[in-house]
Each structure stands twice: as C-alpha cells, then as structure tokens.
Amino acid sequence: MKNKGDYEALYRAVLALETTEECEAFFSDLCTRLEIKAMAQRLEVAKMLSQKQVYNKIVEKTGASSATVSRVSRSLNHGENGYKLILQRLEKQGL
C-alpha cells in the first residue's frame, strides 16, 4: 500500500458493517485477538484522557503502557480528530 487512498477499500468495508455482531465477525477475521485488544485498549485510554484522568490511573486501570497512553494523548490532542469524533458519538449513544 503506497498512499492513503490505498486504504479506502478497508474504510468502506468498515462503513458497510451494520451491527455489532457483523463488526465482531469482520474484525475477528481481519485481526488477531491481541490486535483487537490493543485497539479497544487505545479507545478506552482516549476516553479516560478526555475525562482528564491522570496517566498513572489510566495505566493502572487499562494495563496500557505509559508509552501507549502518551501516543494516544498525542493523537487525541494533535491528530486528525478521529478519537474526538468517535468519543462524541459514543457519548451521545450513552456508551
């Protein structure tokens, strides 16, 4: 894959999923359990950072390394606003 446009099929595949069950099946086929766990952990870290929780508490509660917390924080504050967008949408859904 050479450029961002090469990932479009993957993004469209994710957008085509309609239920949590479909997402679970797709991601189980696409990723290892460890990869799925890492993505879920990063999302939880982003949620906790957006709630202004401190690094040590986040590390303790999630099991994430301080490097992971730092990377998520950097993305949350200086990234493409993907975390902010999804966190807002999840909050609207009460999740």
PDB file of N, CA and C in Angstrom:
ATOM      1  N   MET A   1       0.850  -1.170   0.000  1.00  0.00           N
ATOM      2  CA  MET A   1       0.000   0.000   0.000  1.00  0.00           C
ATOM      3  C   MET A   1       0.896   1.234   0.000  1.00  0.00           C
ATOM      4  N   LYS A   2       0.687   2.066  -0.967  1.00  0.00           N
ATOM      5  CA  LYS A   2       1.596   3.189  -1.157  1.00  0.00           C
ATOM      6  C   LYS A   2       1.101   4.501  -0.576  1.00  0.00           C
ATOM      7  N   ASN A   3      -0.194   4.728  -0.608  1.00  0.00           N
ATOM      8  CA  ASN A   3      -0.688   6.008  -0.098  1.00  0.00           C
ATOM      9  C   ASN A   3      -2.026   5.827   0.603  1.00  0.00           C
ATOM     10  N   LYS A   4      -2.474   6.900   1.178  1.00  0.00           N
ATOM     11  CA  LYS A   4      -3.704   6.882   1.977  1.00  0.00           C
ATOM     12  C   LYS A   4      -4.904   6.344   1.196  1.00  0.00           C
ATOM     13  N   GLY A   5      -4.966   6.653  -0.078  1.00  0.00           N
ATOM     14  CA  GLY A   5      -6.071   6.200  -0.911  1.00  0.00           C
ATOM     15  C   GLY A   5      -6.142   4.692  -1.037  1.00  0.00           C
ATOM     16  N   ASP A   6      -5.009   4.020  -0.848  1.00  0.00           N
ATOM     17  CA  ASP A   6      -4.973   2.562  -0.932  1.00  0.00           C
ATOM     18  C   ASP A   6      -5.780   1.905   0.180  1.00  0.00           C
ATOM     19  N   TYR A   7      -6.067   2.615   1.238  1.00  0.00           N
ATOM     20  CA  TYR A   7      -6.800   2.066   2.372  1.00  0.00           C
ATOM     21  C   TYR A   7      -8.310   2.235   2.231  1.00  0.00           C
ATOM     22  N   GLU A   8      -8.737   2.888   1.175  1.00  0.00           N
ATOM     23  CA  GLU A   8     -10.153   3.219   1.027  1.00  0.00           C
ATOM     24  C   GLU A   8     -11.054   1.986   1.062  1.00  0.00           C
ATOM     25  N   ALA A   9     -10.643   0.888   0.460  1.00  0.00           N
ATOM     26  CA  ALA A   9     -11.470  -0.326   0.462  1.00  0.00           C
ATOM     27  C   ALA A   9     -11.706  -0.815   1.889  1.00  0.00           C
ATOM     28  N   LEU A  10     -10.682  -0.734   2.725  1.00  0.00           N
ATOM     29  CA  LEU A  10     -10.831  -1.138   4.125  1.00  0.00           C
ATOM     30  C   LEU A  10     -11.814  -0.219   4.841  1.00  0.00           C
ATOM     31  N   TYR A  11     -11.650   1.080   4.665  1.00  0.00           N
ATOM     32  CA  TYR A  11     -12.545   2.034   5.325  1.00  0.00           C
ATOM     33  C   TYR A  11     -13.991   1.815   4.871  1.00  0.00           C
ATOM     34  N   ARG A  12     -14.183   1.589   3.587  1.00  0.00           N
ATOM     35  CA  ARG A  12     -15.532   1.358   3.064  1.00  0.00           C
ATOM     36  C   ARG A  12     -16.107   0.042   3.594  1.00  0.00           C
ATOM     37  N   ALA A  13     -15.251  -0.957   3.762  1.00  0.00           N
ATOM     38  CA  ALA A  13     -15.710  -2.233   4.327  1.00  0.00           C
ATOM     39  C   ALA A  13     -16.222  -2.030   5.747  1.00  0.00           C
ATOM     40  N   VAL A  14     -15.491  -1.257   6.542  1.00  0.00           N
ATOM     41  CA  VAL A  14     -15.918  -0.985   7.922  1.00  0.00           C
ATOM     42  C   VAL A  14     -17.237  -0.217   7.916  1.00  0.00           C
ATOM     43  N   LEU A  15     -17.350   0.753   7.040  1.00  0.00           N
ATOM     44  CA  LEU A  15     -18.594   1.530   6.958  1.00  0.00           C
ATOM     45  C   LEU A  15     -19.781   0.687   6.505  1.00  0.00           C
ATOM     46  N   ALA A  16     -19.523  -0.400   5.794  1.00  0.00           N
ATOM     47  CA  ALA A  16     -20.601  -1.264   5.307  1.00  0.00           C
ATOM     48  C   ALA A  16     -21.160  -2.179   6.394  1.00  0.00           C
ATOM     49  N   LEU A  17     -20.454  -2.322   7.505  1.00  0.00           N
ATOM     50  CA  LEU A  17     -20.920  -3.175   8.598  1.00  0.00           C
ATOM     51  C   LEU A  17     -22.128  -2.528   9.268  1.00  0.00           C
ATOM     52  N   GLU A  18     -23.124  -3.341   9.605  1.00  0.00           N
ATOM     53  CA  GLU A  18     -24.374  -2.786  10.117  1.00  0.00           C
ATOM     54  C   GLU A  18     -24.648  -3.079  11.581  1.00  0.00           C
ATOM     55  N   THR A  19     -24.053  -4.116  12.136  1.00  0.00           N
ATOM     56  CA  THR A  19     -24.345  -4.474  13.524  1.00  0.00           C
ATOM     57  C   THR A  19     -23.049  -4.750  14.282  1.00  0.00           C
ATOM     58  N   THR A  20     -23.162  -4.763  15.598  1.00  0.00           N
ATOM     59  CA  THR A  20     -22.018  -5.115  16.435  1.00  0.00           C
ATOM     60  C   THR A  20     -21.542  -6.525  16.106  1.00  0.00           C
ATOM     61  N   GLU A  21     -22.477  -7.419  15.851  1.00  0.00           N
ATOM     62  CA  GLU A  21     -22.128  -8.803  15.520  1.00  0.00           C
ATOM     63  C   GLU A  21     -21.333  -8.871  14.220  1.00  0.00           C
ATOM     64  N   GLU A  22     -21.745  -8.089  13.217  1.00  0.00           N
ATOM     65  CA  GLU A  22     -21.000  -8.044  11.959  1.00  0.00           C
ATOM     66  C   GLU A  22     -19.597  -7.492  12.181  1.00  0.00           C
ATOM     67  N   CYS A  23     -19.489  -6.452  13.011  1.00  0.00           N
ATOM     68  CA  CYS A  23     -18.176  -5.879  13.330  1.00  0.00           C
ATOM     69  C   CYS A  23     -17.291  -6.911  14.010  1.00  0.00           C
ATOM     70  N   GLU A  24     -17.864  -7.622  14.967  1.00  0.00           N
ATOM     71  CA  GLU A  24     -17.092  -8.636  15.683  1.00  0.00           C
ATOM     72  C   GLU A  24     -16.590  -9.716  14.723  1.00  0.00           C
ATOM     73  N   ALA A  25     -17.452 -10.185  13.835  1.00  0.00           N
ATOM     74  CA  ALA A  25     -17.057 -11.217  12.876  1.00  0.00           C
ATOM     75  C   ALA A  25     -15.966 -10.704  11.935  1.00  0.00           C
ATOM     76  N   PHE A  26     -16.146  -9.495  11.410  1.00  0.00           N
ATOM     77  CA  PHE A  26     -15.172  -8.929  10.476  1.00  0.00           C
ATOM     78  C   PHE A  26     -13.816  -8.723  11.143  1.00  0.00           C
ATOM     79  N   PHE A  27     -13.817  -8.080  12.311  1.00  0.00           N
ATOM     80  CA  PHE A  27     -12.549  -7.821  12.991  1.00  0.00           C
ATOM     81  C   PHE A  27     -11.889  -9.107  13.475  1.00  0.00           C
ATOM     82  N   SER A  28     -12.678 -10.113  13.828  1.00  0.00           N
ATOM     83  CA  SER A  28     -12.104 -11.403  14.230  1.00  0.00           C
ATOM     84  C   SER A  28     -11.400 -12.077  13.059  1.00  0.00           C
ATOM     85  N   ASP A  29     -11.947 -11.910  11.861  1.00  0.00           N
ATOM     86  CA  ASP A  29     -11.297 -12.454  10.668  1.00  0.00           C
ATOM     87  C   ASP A  29     -10.091 -11.619  10.245  1.00  0.00           C
ATOM     88  N   LEU A  30     -10.195 -10.318  10.404  1.00  0.00           N
ATOM     89  CA  LEU A  30      -9.170  -9.396   9.923  1.00  0.00           C
ATOM     90  C   LEU A  30      -7.967  -9.293  10.852  1.00  0.00           C
ATOM     91  N   CYS A  31      -8.203  -9.326  12.148  1.00  0.00           N
ATOM     92  CA  CYS A  31      -7.167  -9.043  13.147  1.00  0.00           C
ATOM     93  C   CYS A  31      -6.999 -10.212  14.108  1.00  0.00           C
ATOM     94  N   THR A  32      -5.847 -10.237  14.765  1.00  0.00           N
ATOM     95  CA  THR A  32      -5.656 -11.191  15.850  1.00  0.00           C
ATOM     96  C   THR A  32      -6.388 -10.666  17.080  1.00  0.00           C
ATOM     97  N   ARG A  33      -6.623 -11.551  18.043  1.00  0.00           N
ATOM     98  CA  ARG A  33      -7.254 -11.123  19.303  1.00  0.00           C
ATOM     99  C   ARG A  33      -6.417 -10.037  19.973  1.00  0.00           C
ATOM    100  N   LEU A  34      -5.106 -10.173  19.902  1.00  0.00           N
ATOM    101  CA  LEU A  34      -4.215  -9.192  20.517  1.00  0.00           C
ATOM    102  C   LEU A  34      -4.351  -7.823  19.849  1.00  0.00           C
ATOM    103  N   GLU A  35      -4.496  -7.797  18.525  1.00  0.00           N
ATOM    104  CA  GLU A  35      -4.675  -6.531  17.809  1.00  0.00           C
ATOM    105  C   GLU A  35      -6.004  -5.875  18.181  1.00  0.00           C
ATOM    106  N   ILE A  36      -7.046  -6.682  18.280  1.00  0.00           N
ATOM    107  CA  ILE A  36      -8.357  -6.148  18.673  1.00  0.00           C
ATOM    108  C   ILE A  36      -8.291  -5.610  20.093  1.00  0.00           C
ATOM    109  N   LYS A  37      -7.639  -6.357  20.975  1.00  0.00           N
ATOM    110  CA  LYS A  37      -7.490  -5.919  22.366  1.00  0.00           C
ATOM    111  C   LYS A  37      -6.727  -4.599  22.433  1.00  0.00           C
ATOM    112  N   ALA A  38      -5.678  -4.463  21.631  1.00  0.00           N
ATOM    113  CA  ALA A  38      -4.884  -3.230  21.626  1.00  0.00           C
ATOM    114  C   ALA A  38      -5.718  -2.042  21.150  1.00  0.00           C
ATOM    115  N   MET A  39      -6.530  -2.246  20.118  1.00  0.00           N
ATOM    116  CA  MET A  39      -7.377  -1.151  19.632  1.00  0.00           C
ATOM    117  C   MET A  39      -8.422  -0.760  20.669  1.00  0.00           C
ATOM    118  N   ALA A  40      -9.031  -1.759  21.302  1.00  0.00           N
ATOM    119  CA  ALA A  40     -10.029  -1.479  22.342  1.00  0.00           C
ATOM    120  C   ALA A  40      -9.384  -0.746  23.515  1.00  0.00           C
ATOM    121  N   GLN A  41      -8.169  -1.152  23.854  1.00  0.00           N
ATOM    122  CA  GLN A  41      -7.446  -0.512  24.952  1.00  0.00           C
ATOM    123  C   GLN A  41      -7.152   0.952  24.620  1.00  0.00           C
ATOM    124  N   ARG A  42      -6.728   1.224  23.393  1.00  0.00           N
ATOM    125  CA  ARG A  42      -6.443   2.612  22.992  1.00  0.00           C
ATOM    126  C   ARG A  42      -7.696   3.472  23.061  1.00  0.00           C
ATOM    127  N   LEU A  43      -8.818   2.912  22.655  1.00  0.00           N
ATOM    128  CA  LEU A  43     -10.072   3.666  22.733  1.00  0.00           C
ATOM    129  C   LEU A  43     -10.423   3.969  24.185  1.00  0.00           C
ATOM    130  N   GLU A  44     -10.246   2.995  25.066  1.00  0.00           N
ATOM    131  CA  GLU A  44     -10.511   3.213  26.493  1.00  0.00           C
ATOM    132  C   GLU A  44      -9.563   4.269  27.061  1.00  0.00           C
ATOM    133  N   VAL A  45      -8.303   4.218  26.661  1.00  0.00           N
ATOM    134  CA  VAL A  45      -7.323   5.220  27.100  1.00  0.00           C
ATOM    135  C   VAL A  45      -7.758   6.606  26.628  1.00  0.00           C
ATOM    136  N   ALA A  46      -8.181   6.720  25.377  1.00  0.00           N
ATOM    137  CA  ALA A  46      -8.637   8.011  24.846  1.00  0.00           C
ATOM    138  C   ALA A  46      -9.830   8.531  25.638  1.00  0.00           C
ATOM    139  N   LYS A  47     -10.740   7.637  25.968  1.00  0.00           N
ATOM    140  CA  LYS A  47     -11.918   8.029  26.753  1.00  0.00           C
ATOM    141  C   LYS A  47     -11.494   8.562  28.116  1.00  0.00           C
ATOM    142  N   MET A  48     -10.584   7.860  28.770  1.00  0.00           N
ATOM    143  CA  MET A  48     -10.127   8.279  30.097  1.00  0.00           C
ATOM    144  C   MET A  48      -9.348   9.593  30.025  1.00  0.00           C
ATOM    145  N   LEU A  49      -8.529   9.756  28.988  1.00  0.00           N
ATOM    146  CA  LEU A  49      -7.800  11.017  28.823  1.00  0.00           C
ATOM    147  C   LEU A  49      -8.770  12.175  28.598  1.00  0.00           C
ATOM    148  N   SER A  50      -9.815  11.935  27.826  1.00  0.00           N
ATOM    149  CA  SER A  50     -10.791  13.000  27.563  1.00  0.00           C
ATOM    150  C   SER A  50     -11.564  13.367  28.821  1.00  0.00           C
ATOM    151  N   GLN A  51     -11.587  12.441  29.791  1.00  0.00           N
ATOM    152  CA  GLN A  51     -12.222  12.706  31.085  1.00  0.00           C
ATOM    153  C   GLN A  51     -11.223  13.297  32.079  1.00  0.00           C
ATOM    154  N   LYS A  52     -10.045  13.649  31.578  1.00  0.00           N
ATOM    155  CA  LYS A  52      -8.985  14.300  32.367  1.00  0.00           C
ATOM    156  C   LYS A  52      -8.412  13.408  33.469  1.00  0.00           C
ATOM    157  N   GLN A  53      -8.452  12.095  33.268  1.00  0.00           N
ATOM    158  CA  GLN A  53      -7.848  11.197  34.246  1.00  0.00           C
ATOM    159  C   GLN A  53      -6.328  11.209  34.064  1.00  0.00           C
ATOM    160  N   VAL A  54      -5.613  10.974  35.143  1.00  0.00           N
ATOM    161  CA  VAL A  54      -4.150  11.061  35.112  1.00  0.00           C
ATOM    162  C   VAL A  54      -3.538   9.767  34.573  1.00  0.00           C
ATOM    163  N   TYR A  55      -2.327   9.909  34.008  1.00  0.00           N
ATOM    164  CA  TYR A  55      -1.642   8.794  33.360  1.00  0.00           C
ATOM    165  C   TYR A  55      -1.553   7.558  34.247  1.00  0.00           C
ATOM    166  N   ASN A  56      -1.111   7.732  35.520  1.00  0.00           N
ATOM    167  CA  ASN A  56      -0.910   6.546  36.370  1.00  0.00           C
ATOM    168  C   ASN A  56      -2.217   5.790  36.573  1.00  0.00           C
ATOM    169  N   LYS A  57      -3.307   6.497  36.725  1.00  0.00           N
ATOM    170  CA  LYS A  57      -4.606   5.844  36.909  1.00  0.00           C
ATOM    171  C   LYS A  57      -5.002   5.101  35.633  1.00  0.00           C
ATOM    172  N   ILE A  58      -4.730   5.708  34.493  1.00  0.00           N
ATOM    173  CA  ILE A  58      -5.058   5.081  33.211  1.00  0.00           C
ATOM    174  C   ILE A  58      -4.239   3.811  33.018  1.00  0.00           C
ATOM    175  N   VAL A  59      -2.941   3.892  33.305  1.00  0.00           N
ATOM    176  CA  VAL A  59      -2.062   2.722  33.198  1.00  0.00           C
ATOM    177  C   VAL A  59      -2.564   1.612  34.116  1.00  0.00           C
ATOM    178  N   GLU A  60      -2.903   1.991  35.343  1.00  0.00           N
ATOM    179  CA  GLU A  60      -3.370   1.023  36.338  1.00  0.00           C
ATOM    180  C   GLU A  60      -4.686   0.360  35.914  1.00  0.00           C
ATOM    181  N   LYS A  61      -5.645   1.165  35.440  1.00  0.00           N
ATOM    182  CA  LYS A  61      -6.974   0.633  35.109  1.00  0.00           C
ATOM    183  C   LYS A  61      -7.006  -0.135  33.790  1.00  0.00           C
ATOM    184  N   THR A  62      -6.187   0.265  32.820  1.00  0.00           N
ATOM    185  CA  THR A  62      -6.269  -0.347  31.492  1.00  0.00           C
ATOM    186  C   THR A  62      -5.181  -1.378  31.223  1.00  0.00           C
ATOM    187  N   GLY A  63      -4.080  -1.283  31.957  1.00  0.00           N
ATOM    188  CA  GLY A  63      -2.946  -2.158  31.673  1.00  0.00           C
ATOM    189  C   GLY A  63      -2.110  -1.656  30.511  1.00  0.00           C
ATOM    190  N   ALA A  64      -2.460  -0.497  29.970  1.00  0.00           N
ATOM    191  CA  ALA A  64      -1.685   0.089  28.872  1.00  0.00           C
ATOM    192  C   ALA A  64      -0.349   0.592  29.402  1.00  0.00           C
ATOM    193  N   SER A  65       0.646   0.584  28.548  1.00  0.00           N
ATOM    194  CA  SER A  65       1.939   1.130  28.947  1.00  0.00           C
ATOM    195  C   SER A  65       1.860   2.651  28.941  1.00  0.00           C
ATOM    196  N   SER A  66       2.788   3.287  29.632  1.00  0.00           N
ATOM    197  CA  SER A  66       2.810   4.756  29.627  1.00  0.00           C
ATOM    198  C   SER A  66       3.099   5.266  28.217  1.00  0.00           C
ATOM    199  N   ALA A  67       3.846   4.499  27.423  1.00  0.00           N
ATOM    200  CA  ALA A  67       4.115   4.894  26.033  1.00  0.00           C
ATOM    201  C   ALA A  67       2.821   4.894  25.215  1.00  0.00           C
ATOM    202  N   THR A  68       1.973   3.909  25.440  1.00  0.00           N
ATOM    203  CA  THR A  68       0.686   3.853  24.736  1.00  0.00           C
ATOM    204  C   THR A  68      -0.194   5.024  25.148  1.00  0.00           C
ATOM    205  N   VAL A  69      -0.238   5.309  26.434  1.00  0.00           N
ATOM    206  CA  VAL A  69      -1.038   6.440  26.920  1.00  0.00           C
ATOM    207  C   VAL A  69      -0.529   7.731  26.287  1.00  0.00           C
ATOM    208  N   SER A  70       0.778   7.882  26.214  1.00  0.00           N
ATOM    209  CA  SER A  70       1.380   9.072  25.619  1.00  0.00           C
ATOM    210  C   SER A  70       1.039   9.184  24.130  1.00  0.00           C
ATOM    211  N   ARG A  71       1.120   8.076  23.401  1.00  0.00           N
ATOM    212  CA  ARG A  71       0.789   8.088  21.969  1.00  0.00           C
ATOM    213  C   ARG A  71      -0.671   8.448  21.746  1.00  0.00           C
ATOM    214  N   VAL A  72      -1.556   7.867  22.553  1.00  0.00           N
ATOM    215  CA  VAL A  72      -2.985   8.173  22.416  1.00  0.00           C
ATOM    216  C   VAL A  72      -3.231   9.642  22.752  1.00  0.00           C
ATOM    217  N   SER A  73      -2.568  10.137  23.775  1.00  0.00           N
ATOM    218  CA  SER A  73      -2.705  11.544  24.153  1.00  0.00           C
ATOM    219  C   SER A  73      -2.269  12.454  23.006  1.00  0.00           C
ATOM    220  N   ARG A  74      -1.162  12.103  22.379  1.00  0.00           N
ATOM    221  CA  ARG A  74      -0.663  12.899  21.252  1.00  0.00           C
ATOM    222  C   ARG A  74      -1.685  12.897  20.116  1.00  0.00           C
ATOM    223  N   SER A  75      -2.236  11.730  19.807  1.00  0.00           N
ATOM    224  CA  SER A  75      -3.248  11.644  18.746  1.00  0.00           C
ATOM    225  C   SER A  75      -4.510  12.407  19.124  1.00  0.00           C
ATOM    226  N   LEU A  76      -4.895  12.301  20.373  1.00  0.00           N
ATOM    227  CA  LEU A  76      -6.094  12.982  20.855  1.00  0.00           C
ATOM    228  C   LEU A  76      -5.942  14.498  20.748  1.00  0.00           C
ATOM    229  N   ASN A  77      -4.752  14.995  21.027  1.00  0.00           N
ATOM    230  CA  ASN A  77      -4.522  16.441  21.045  1.00  0.00           C
ATOM    231  C   ASN A  77      -3.989  17.021  19.742  1.00  0.00           C
ATOM    232  N   HIS A  78      -3.308  16.193  18.945  1.00  0.00           N
ATOM    233  CA  HIS A  78      -2.662  16.733  17.742  1.00  0.00           C
ATOM    234  C   HIS A  78      -2.903  15.876  16.504  1.00  0.00           C
ATOM    235  N   GLY A  79      -3.856  14.956  16.581  1.00  0.00           N
ATOM    236  CA  GLY A  79      -4.110  14.048  15.464  1.00  0.00           C
ATOM    237  C   GLY A  79      -5.162  14.583  14.510  1.00  0.00           C
ATOM    238  N   GLU A  80      -5.846  13.671  13.876  1.00  0.00           N
ATOM    239  CA  GLU A  80      -6.845  14.007  12.857  1.00  0.00           C
ATOM    240  C   GLU A  80      -8.250  14.181  13.439  1.00  0.00           C
ATOM    241  N   ASN A  81      -8.357  14.208  14.765  1.00  0.00           N
ATOM    242  CA  ASN A  81      -9.627  14.361  15.490  1.00  0.00           C
ATOM    243  C   ASN A  81     -10.541  13.140  15.390  1.00  0.00           C
ATOM    244  N   GLY A  82      -9.985  12.003  14.994  1.00  0.00           N
ATOM    245  CA  GLY A  82     -10.767  10.773  14.930  1.00  0.00           C
ATOM    246  C   GLY A  82     -11.235  10.316  16.297  1.00  0.00           C
ATOM    247  N   TYR A  83     -10.326  10.367  17.276  1.00  0.00           N
ATOM    248  CA  TYR A  83     -10.723   9.987  18.637  1.00  0.00           C
ATOM    249  C   TYR A  83     -11.828  10.904  19.145  1.00  0.00           C
ATOM    250  N   LYS A  84     -11.659  12.206  18.961  1.00  0.00           N
ATOM    251  CA  LYS A  84     -12.659  13.158  19.451  1.00  0.00           C
ATOM    252  C   LYS A  84     -14.017  12.894  18.814  1.00  0.00           C
ATOM    253  N   LEU A  85     -14.011  12.650  17.522  1.00  0.00           N
ATOM    254  CA  LEU A  85     -15.255  12.389  16.798  1.00  0.00           C
ATOM    255  C   LEU A  85     -15.961  11.155  17.347  1.00  0.00           C
ATOM    256  N   ILE A  86     -15.233  10.055  17.472  1.00  0.00           N
ATOM    257  CA  ILE A  86     -15.869   8.819  17.922  1.00  0.00           C
ATOM    258  C   ILE A  86     -16.277   8.905  19.387  1.00  0.00           C
ATOM    259  N   LEU A  87     -15.488   9.582  20.207  1.00  0.00           N
ATOM    260  CA  LEU A  87     -15.852   9.728  21.623  1.00  0.00           C
ATOM    261  C   LEU A  87     -17.131  10.546  21.773  1.00  0.00           C
ATOM    262  N   GLN A  88     -17.283  11.589  20.966  1.00  0.00           N
ATOM    263  CA  GLN A  88     -18.516  12.383  20.999  1.00  0.00           C
ATOM    264  C   GLN A  88     -19.715  11.539  20.586  1.00  0.00           C
ATOM    265  N   ARG A  89     -19.538  10.734  19.550  1.00  0.00           N
ATOM    266  CA  ARG A  89     -20.645   9.902  19.069  1.00  0.00           C
ATOM    267  C   ARG A  89     -21.003   8.814  20.075  1.00  0.00           C
ATOM    268  N   LEU A  90     -19.997   8.226  20.692  1.00  0.00           N
ATOM    269  CA  LEU A  90     -20.259   7.204  21.709  1.00  0.00           C
ATOM    270  C   LEU A  90     -20.966   7.810  22.915  1.00  0.00           C
ATOM    271  N   GLU A  91     -20.560   9.024  23.282  1.00  0.00           N
ATOM    272  CA  GLU A  91     -21.200   9.704  24.415  1.00  0.00           C
ATOM    273  C   GLU A  91     -22.675   9.970  24.122  1.00  0.00           C
ATOM    274  N   LYS A  92     -22.979  10.387  22.895  1.00  0.00           N
ATOM    275  CA  LYS A  92     -24.375  10.623  22.507  1.00  0.00           C
ATOM    276  C   LYS A  92     -25.201   9.347  22.602  1.00  0.00           C
ATOM    277  N   GLN A  93     -24.542   8.204  22.395  1.00  0.00           N
ATOM    278  CA  GLN A  93     -25.224   6.908  22.474  1.00  0.00           C
ATOM    279  C   GLN A  93     -25.236   6.362  23.901  1.00  0.00           C
ATOM    280  N   GLY A  94     -24.636   7.108  24.816  1.00  0.00           N
ATOM    281  CA  GLY A  94     -24.585   6.672  26.205  1.00  0.00           C
ATOM    282  C   GLY A  94     -23.566   5.577  26.465  1.00  0.00           C
ATOM    283  N   LEU A  95     -22.581   5.481  25.607  1.00  0.00           N
ATOM    284  CA  LEU A  95     -21.550   4.435  25.751  1.00  0.00           C
ATOM    285  C   LEU A  95     -20.239   4.989  26.268  1.00  0.00           C
TER     286      LEU A  95
END
